[in-house]
N, C-alpha and C. Protein backbone atom coordinates (compact mmCIF):
# COMPACT_ATOMS: atom_id res chain seq x y z
N MET A 1 0.85 -1.18 0.00
CA MET A 1 0.00 0.00 0.00
C MET A 1 0.89 1.24 0.00
N LYS A 2 0.54 2.18 -0.83
CA LYS A 2 1.31 3.42 -0.97
C LYS A 2 0.98 4.35 0.19
N GLU A 3 2.03 4.84 0.87
CA GLU A 3 1.80 5.74 2.00
C GLU A 3 1.62 7.17 1.51
N ILE A 4 0.58 7.80 1.99
CA ILE A 4 0.30 9.19 1.64
C ILE A 4 0.68 10.03 2.84
N LYS A 5 1.63 10.95 2.63
CA LYS A 5 2.15 11.74 3.75
C LYS A 5 1.59 13.16 3.80
N ASN A 6 1.11 13.65 2.64
CA ASN A 6 0.64 15.03 2.60
C ASN A 6 -0.40 15.19 1.51
N ASN A 7 -0.92 16.40 1.39
CA ASN A 7 -1.99 16.66 0.43
C ASN A 7 -1.51 16.48 -1.02
N ALA A 8 -0.25 16.80 -1.29
CA ALA A 8 0.28 16.64 -2.65
C ALA A 8 0.29 15.16 -3.03
N ASP A 9 0.73 14.28 -2.10
CA ASP A 9 0.70 12.83 -2.35
C ASP A 9 -0.73 12.37 -2.60
N TYR A 10 -1.65 12.89 -1.78
CA TYR A 10 -3.06 12.52 -1.90
C TYR A 10 -3.60 12.90 -3.28
N GLN A 11 -3.28 14.10 -3.74
CA GLN A 11 -3.76 14.56 -5.04
C GLN A 11 -3.21 13.69 -6.17
N LYS A 12 -1.95 13.26 -6.06
CA LYS A 12 -1.34 12.38 -7.07
C LYS A 12 -2.06 11.03 -7.11
N VAL A 13 -2.33 10.49 -5.92
CA VAL A 13 -3.02 9.20 -5.84
C VAL A 13 -4.42 9.31 -6.43
N MET A 14 -5.13 10.39 -6.11
CA MET A 14 -6.48 10.57 -6.63
C MET A 14 -6.47 10.73 -8.16
N ALA A 15 -5.47 11.43 -8.68
CA ALA A 15 -5.35 11.59 -10.14
C ALA A 15 -5.08 10.25 -10.80
N GLU A 16 -4.26 9.43 -10.16
CA GLU A 16 -3.96 8.10 -10.70
C GLU A 16 -5.21 7.22 -10.71
N ILE A 17 -5.97 7.30 -9.62
CA ILE A 17 -7.23 6.54 -9.54
C ILE A 17 -8.18 7.02 -10.65
N ASP A 18 -8.33 8.33 -10.78
CA ASP A 18 -9.22 8.89 -11.81
C ASP A 18 -8.81 8.43 -13.20
N GLY A 19 -7.49 8.44 -13.47
CA GLY A 19 -7.00 8.01 -14.77
C GLY A 19 -7.34 6.57 -15.08
N LEU A 20 -7.16 5.70 -14.08
CA LEU A 20 -7.48 4.28 -14.28
C LEU A 20 -8.98 4.07 -14.43
N MET A 21 -9.75 4.78 -13.64
CA MET A 21 -11.21 4.60 -13.68
C MET A 21 -11.81 5.17 -14.96
N ALA A 22 -11.14 6.13 -15.56
CA ALA A 22 -11.64 6.73 -16.80
C ALA A 22 -11.65 5.72 -17.95
N LYS A 23 -10.88 4.65 -17.82
CA LYS A 23 -10.85 3.60 -18.85
C LYS A 23 -12.19 2.87 -18.95
N GLY A 24 -12.93 2.88 -17.85
CA GLY A 24 -14.21 2.16 -17.81
C GLY A 24 -14.01 0.77 -17.22
N SER A 25 -15.02 0.27 -16.56
CA SER A 25 -14.90 -1.00 -15.84
C SER A 25 -14.60 -2.18 -16.75
N GLY A 26 -15.05 -2.14 -17.99
CA GLY A 26 -14.80 -3.25 -18.91
C GLY A 26 -13.42 -3.23 -19.53
N ASN A 27 -12.69 -2.13 -19.37
CA ASN A 27 -11.39 -1.98 -20.02
C ASN A 27 -10.22 -1.98 -19.04
N VAL A 28 -10.47 -2.35 -17.79
CA VAL A 28 -9.43 -2.33 -16.78
C VAL A 28 -8.97 -3.77 -16.54
N SER A 29 -7.66 -3.97 -16.55
CA SER A 29 -7.11 -5.31 -16.31
C SER A 29 -7.21 -5.65 -14.82
N LYS A 30 -6.97 -6.92 -14.49
CA LYS A 30 -7.00 -7.33 -13.08
C LYS A 30 -5.93 -6.60 -12.29
N GLU A 31 -4.77 -6.42 -12.90
CA GLU A 31 -3.68 -5.72 -12.22
C GLU A 31 -4.07 -4.27 -11.94
N GLU A 32 -4.70 -3.64 -12.93
CA GLU A 32 -5.13 -2.25 -12.74
C GLU A 32 -6.24 -2.16 -11.69
N LEU A 33 -7.13 -3.14 -11.68
CA LEU A 33 -8.19 -3.17 -10.68
C LEU A 33 -7.60 -3.30 -9.28
N ASN A 34 -6.61 -4.16 -9.13
CA ASN A 34 -5.92 -4.31 -7.84
C ASN A 34 -5.21 -3.02 -7.45
N LYS A 35 -4.62 -2.34 -8.45
CA LYS A 35 -3.94 -1.07 -8.17
C LYS A 35 -4.95 -0.02 -7.71
N ILE A 36 -6.11 0.04 -8.36
CA ILE A 36 -7.16 0.98 -7.94
C ILE A 36 -7.54 0.69 -6.49
N ARG A 37 -7.73 -0.57 -6.17
CA ARG A 37 -8.13 -0.97 -4.81
C ARG A 37 -7.06 -0.54 -3.80
N MET A 38 -5.79 -0.79 -4.12
CA MET A 38 -4.69 -0.43 -3.22
C MET A 38 -4.62 1.09 -3.04
N LEU A 39 -4.71 1.82 -4.14
CA LEU A 39 -4.66 3.28 -4.07
C LEU A 39 -5.84 3.84 -3.28
N ALA A 40 -7.02 3.26 -3.50
CA ALA A 40 -8.21 3.73 -2.79
C ALA A 40 -8.08 3.49 -1.29
N GLN A 41 -7.49 2.37 -0.90
CA GLN A 41 -7.29 2.09 0.52
C GLN A 41 -6.31 3.09 1.13
N SER A 42 -5.27 3.43 0.38
CA SER A 42 -4.32 4.44 0.86
C SER A 42 -5.01 5.79 1.03
N ALA A 43 -5.80 6.16 0.03
CA ALA A 43 -6.51 7.44 0.09
C ALA A 43 -7.48 7.45 1.27
N GLN A 44 -8.18 6.34 1.47
CA GLN A 44 -9.13 6.26 2.58
C GLN A 44 -8.40 6.41 3.92
N GLY A 45 -7.26 5.76 4.06
CA GLY A 45 -6.49 5.88 5.30
C GLY A 45 -6.07 7.32 5.57
N TYR A 46 -5.64 8.01 4.52
CA TYR A 46 -5.25 9.41 4.65
C TYR A 46 -6.46 10.27 5.04
N GLU A 47 -7.59 10.05 4.37
CA GLU A 47 -8.79 10.82 4.64
C GLU A 47 -9.27 10.62 6.07
N GLN A 48 -9.23 9.39 6.55
CA GLN A 48 -9.70 9.11 7.91
C GLN A 48 -8.82 9.80 8.95
N GLY A 49 -7.53 9.90 8.66
CA GLY A 49 -6.63 10.59 9.58
C GLY A 49 -6.76 12.10 9.52
N LYS A 50 -7.14 12.61 8.37
CA LYS A 50 -7.21 14.06 8.18
C LYS A 50 -8.59 14.64 8.50
N TYR A 51 -9.62 13.92 8.12
CA TYR A 51 -10.97 14.45 8.27
C TYR A 51 -11.72 13.65 9.33
N GLU A 52 -11.95 14.28 10.45
CA GLU A 52 -12.69 13.62 11.51
C GLU A 52 -14.13 14.10 11.50
N VAL A 53 -15.05 13.16 11.60
CA VAL A 53 -16.46 13.50 11.69
C VAL A 53 -16.80 13.56 13.17
N GLU A 54 -17.32 14.68 13.59
CA GLU A 54 -17.68 14.83 14.99
C GLU A 54 -18.88 13.98 15.32
N ALA A 55 -18.88 13.42 16.52
CA ALA A 55 -20.00 12.59 16.97
C ALA A 55 -21.23 13.47 17.12
N PRO A 56 -22.40 12.91 16.83
CA PRO A 56 -23.64 13.67 17.01
C PRO A 56 -23.81 14.13 18.45
N THR A 57 -24.43 15.29 18.60
CA THR A 57 -24.66 15.84 19.93
C THR A 57 -26.14 15.88 20.29
N SER A 58 -26.96 15.31 19.43
CA SER A 58 -28.40 15.24 19.70
C SER A 58 -28.90 13.85 19.34
N LEU A 59 -30.04 13.49 19.89
CA LEU A 59 -30.63 12.20 19.59
C LEU A 59 -31.00 12.11 18.11
N ILE A 60 -31.55 13.16 17.56
CA ILE A 60 -31.92 13.18 16.14
C ILE A 60 -30.66 13.02 15.29
N GLY A 61 -29.60 13.71 15.66
CA GLY A 61 -28.33 13.59 14.94
C GLY A 61 -27.81 12.17 14.96
N MET A 62 -27.92 11.51 16.10
CA MET A 62 -27.47 10.12 16.22
C MET A 62 -28.32 9.20 15.36
N ILE A 63 -29.63 9.43 15.35
CA ILE A 63 -30.53 8.62 14.51
C ILE A 63 -30.17 8.81 13.04
N GLU A 64 -29.93 10.05 12.64
CA GLU A 64 -29.57 10.33 11.25
C GLU A 64 -28.25 9.66 10.88
N MET A 65 -27.29 9.67 11.81
CA MET A 65 -26.01 9.03 11.54
C MET A 65 -26.20 7.52 11.35
N ARG A 66 -27.02 6.91 12.22
CA ARG A 66 -27.28 5.47 12.10
C ARG A 66 -28.02 5.16 10.79
N MET A 67 -28.95 6.03 10.42
CA MET A 67 -29.65 5.84 9.14
C MET A 67 -28.64 5.82 8.00
N PHE A 68 -27.70 6.73 8.02
CA PHE A 68 -26.68 6.80 6.98
C PHE A 68 -25.82 5.54 7.00
N GLU A 69 -25.36 5.16 8.19
CA GLU A 69 -24.49 3.98 8.31
C GLU A 69 -25.20 2.70 7.84
N MET A 70 -26.49 2.61 8.15
CA MET A 70 -27.25 1.41 7.82
C MET A 70 -27.92 1.51 6.45
N LYS A 71 -27.71 2.64 5.78
CA LYS A 71 -28.29 2.89 4.45
C LYS A 71 -29.82 2.73 4.47
N LEU A 72 -30.43 3.36 5.47
CA LEU A 72 -31.88 3.30 5.63
C LEU A 72 -32.52 4.61 5.19
N ARG A 73 -33.62 4.50 4.50
CA ARG A 73 -34.46 5.67 4.24
C ARG A 73 -35.38 5.83 5.45
N GLN A 74 -36.01 6.97 5.58
CA GLN A 74 -36.86 7.21 6.74
C GLN A 74 -38.00 6.19 6.79
N LYS A 75 -38.53 5.82 5.64
CA LYS A 75 -39.61 4.83 5.58
C LYS A 75 -39.13 3.48 6.13
N ASP A 76 -37.90 3.09 5.75
CA ASP A 76 -37.33 1.84 6.25
C ASP A 76 -37.07 1.91 7.74
N LEU A 77 -36.61 3.07 8.19
CA LEU A 77 -36.35 3.26 9.61
C LEU A 77 -37.63 3.11 10.42
N ALA A 78 -38.72 3.67 9.92
CA ALA A 78 -40.00 3.57 10.62
C ALA A 78 -40.38 2.10 10.82
N LYS A 79 -40.21 1.29 9.78
CA LYS A 79 -40.51 -0.14 9.90
C LYS A 79 -39.59 -0.81 10.91
N THR A 80 -38.31 -0.47 10.84
CA THR A 80 -37.32 -1.05 11.77
C THR A 80 -37.67 -0.73 13.21
N LEU A 81 -38.15 0.48 13.46
CA LEU A 81 -38.47 0.92 14.82
C LEU A 81 -39.91 0.63 15.21
N ASN A 82 -40.67 0.07 14.26
CA ASN A 82 -42.07 -0.31 14.50
C ASN A 82 -42.94 0.90 14.86
N VAL A 83 -42.76 1.98 14.10
CA VAL A 83 -43.61 3.17 14.25
C VAL A 83 -44.11 3.57 12.87
N SER A 84 -45.13 4.38 12.85
CA SER A 84 -45.66 4.84 11.56
C SER A 84 -44.71 5.88 10.96
N ASP A 85 -44.80 6.03 9.65
CA ASP A 85 -43.99 7.04 8.97
C ASP A 85 -44.28 8.42 9.53
N ALA A 86 -45.56 8.68 9.78
CA ALA A 86 -45.98 9.99 10.28
C ALA A 86 -45.39 10.27 11.67
N LYS A 87 -45.45 9.27 12.55
CA LYS A 87 -44.92 9.46 13.90
C LYS A 87 -43.41 9.69 13.86
N LEU A 88 -42.71 8.91 13.04
CA LEU A 88 -41.26 9.10 12.93
C LEU A 88 -40.95 10.49 12.41
N SER A 89 -41.70 10.95 11.42
CA SER A 89 -41.50 12.28 10.87
C SER A 89 -41.69 13.35 11.95
N LEU A 90 -42.74 13.21 12.76
CA LEU A 90 -42.98 14.17 13.84
C LEU A 90 -41.82 14.20 14.83
N ILE A 91 -41.32 13.02 15.18
CA ILE A 91 -40.20 12.94 16.13
C ILE A 91 -38.94 13.55 15.52
N MET A 92 -38.64 13.18 14.27
CA MET A 92 -37.43 13.66 13.62
C MET A 92 -37.45 15.18 13.41
N ASN A 93 -38.64 15.76 13.28
CA ASN A 93 -38.77 17.21 13.10
C ASN A 93 -38.97 17.95 14.42
N GLY A 94 -38.88 17.24 15.53
CA GLY A 94 -38.98 17.87 16.84
C GLY A 94 -40.38 18.30 17.24
N LYS A 95 -41.40 17.77 16.56
CA LYS A 95 -42.78 18.16 16.85
C LYS A 95 -43.46 17.21 17.83
N GLN A 96 -42.82 16.08 18.11
CA GLN A 96 -43.34 15.13 19.09
C GLN A 96 -42.17 14.53 19.84
N LYS A 97 -42.34 14.37 21.14
CA LYS A 97 -41.29 13.75 21.96
C LYS A 97 -41.38 12.23 21.79
N PRO A 98 -40.22 11.57 21.72
CA PRO A 98 -40.24 10.11 21.59
C PRO A 98 -40.69 9.44 22.88
N GLY A 99 -41.45 8.35 22.74
CA GLY A 99 -41.91 7.59 23.89
C GLY A 99 -40.90 6.52 24.28
N VAL A 100 -41.17 5.86 25.38
CA VAL A 100 -40.27 4.84 25.91
C VAL A 100 -40.06 3.70 24.91
N ASP A 101 -41.14 3.25 24.25
CA ASP A 101 -41.01 2.16 23.28
C ASP A 101 -40.10 2.56 22.11
N PHE A 102 -40.23 3.80 21.68
CA PHE A 102 -39.39 4.31 20.59
C PHE A 102 -37.92 4.34 21.03
N LEU A 103 -37.68 4.85 22.22
CA LEU A 103 -36.31 4.94 22.74
C LEU A 103 -35.70 3.55 22.92
N LYS A 104 -36.52 2.62 23.38
CA LYS A 104 -36.06 1.23 23.55
C LYS A 104 -35.69 0.63 22.19
N ALA A 105 -36.50 0.92 21.17
CA ALA A 105 -36.22 0.42 19.83
C ALA A 105 -34.92 1.03 19.27
N LEU A 106 -34.67 2.29 19.59
CA LEU A 106 -33.41 2.91 19.15
C LEU A 106 -32.22 2.14 19.70
N HIS A 107 -32.33 1.78 20.97
CA HIS A 107 -31.23 1.04 21.61
C HIS A 107 -31.10 -0.36 21.02
N GLN A 108 -32.22 -1.05 20.86
CA GLN A 108 -32.17 -2.44 20.42
C GLN A 108 -31.94 -2.59 18.92
N GLN A 109 -32.57 -1.76 18.12
CA GLN A 109 -32.50 -1.93 16.67
C GLN A 109 -31.35 -1.15 16.02
N LEU A 110 -31.07 0.05 16.55
CA LEU A 110 -30.00 0.87 15.97
C LEU A 110 -28.71 0.81 16.78
N HIS A 111 -28.77 0.13 17.92
CA HIS A 111 -27.61 -0.05 18.79
C HIS A 111 -27.03 1.29 19.26
N ILE A 112 -27.94 2.20 19.58
CA ILE A 112 -27.53 3.48 20.15
C ILE A 112 -27.35 3.27 21.64
N ASP A 113 -26.24 3.76 22.16
CA ASP A 113 -25.91 3.59 23.57
C ASP A 113 -27.03 4.12 24.47
N ALA A 114 -27.41 3.31 25.45
CA ALA A 114 -28.50 3.69 26.36
C ALA A 114 -28.18 4.98 27.11
N GLY A 115 -26.92 5.15 27.50
CA GLY A 115 -26.52 6.37 28.20
C GLY A 115 -26.72 7.60 27.33
N PHE A 116 -26.38 7.48 26.04
CA PHE A 116 -26.57 8.59 25.11
C PHE A 116 -28.06 8.90 24.99
N ILE A 117 -28.87 7.87 24.89
CA ILE A 117 -30.33 8.07 24.76
C ILE A 117 -30.86 8.79 25.99
N LEU A 118 -30.46 8.35 27.19
CA LEU A 118 -30.95 8.96 28.43
C LEU A 118 -30.51 10.42 28.54
N GLU A 119 -29.31 10.73 28.11
CA GLU A 119 -28.81 12.09 28.20
C GLU A 119 -29.47 13.03 27.20
N HIS A 120 -29.92 12.49 26.06
CA HIS A 120 -30.39 13.37 24.99
C HIS A 120 -31.87 13.25 24.68
N ALA A 121 -32.59 12.39 25.36
CA ALA A 121 -34.02 12.22 25.08
C ALA A 121 -34.83 13.32 25.71
């Protein structure tokens, strides 16, 4: 794996990835595909060290983060939490306070820390 030490290295790696990907998926050899994968892993490592995402500071923020991580749409989330779309919408927009069953589902289904839920509910 190629080590990226600074932004200039990162830009070179990204340009190399772009050049290989511009060939199109059907025109890339196995070696080039492996090189793309290796370069992408290097770029990801650099990005993770450089760009930190701050943890959510609200219950809604945490729910939104989990939705993103789990690739859930709001409709899917409502089913997962066993609430109606309308009720979830009201809660997410701050127009209704979440009930105990909803909070319990957040902990069990989305694996949100119980302490975080208690502090922010």
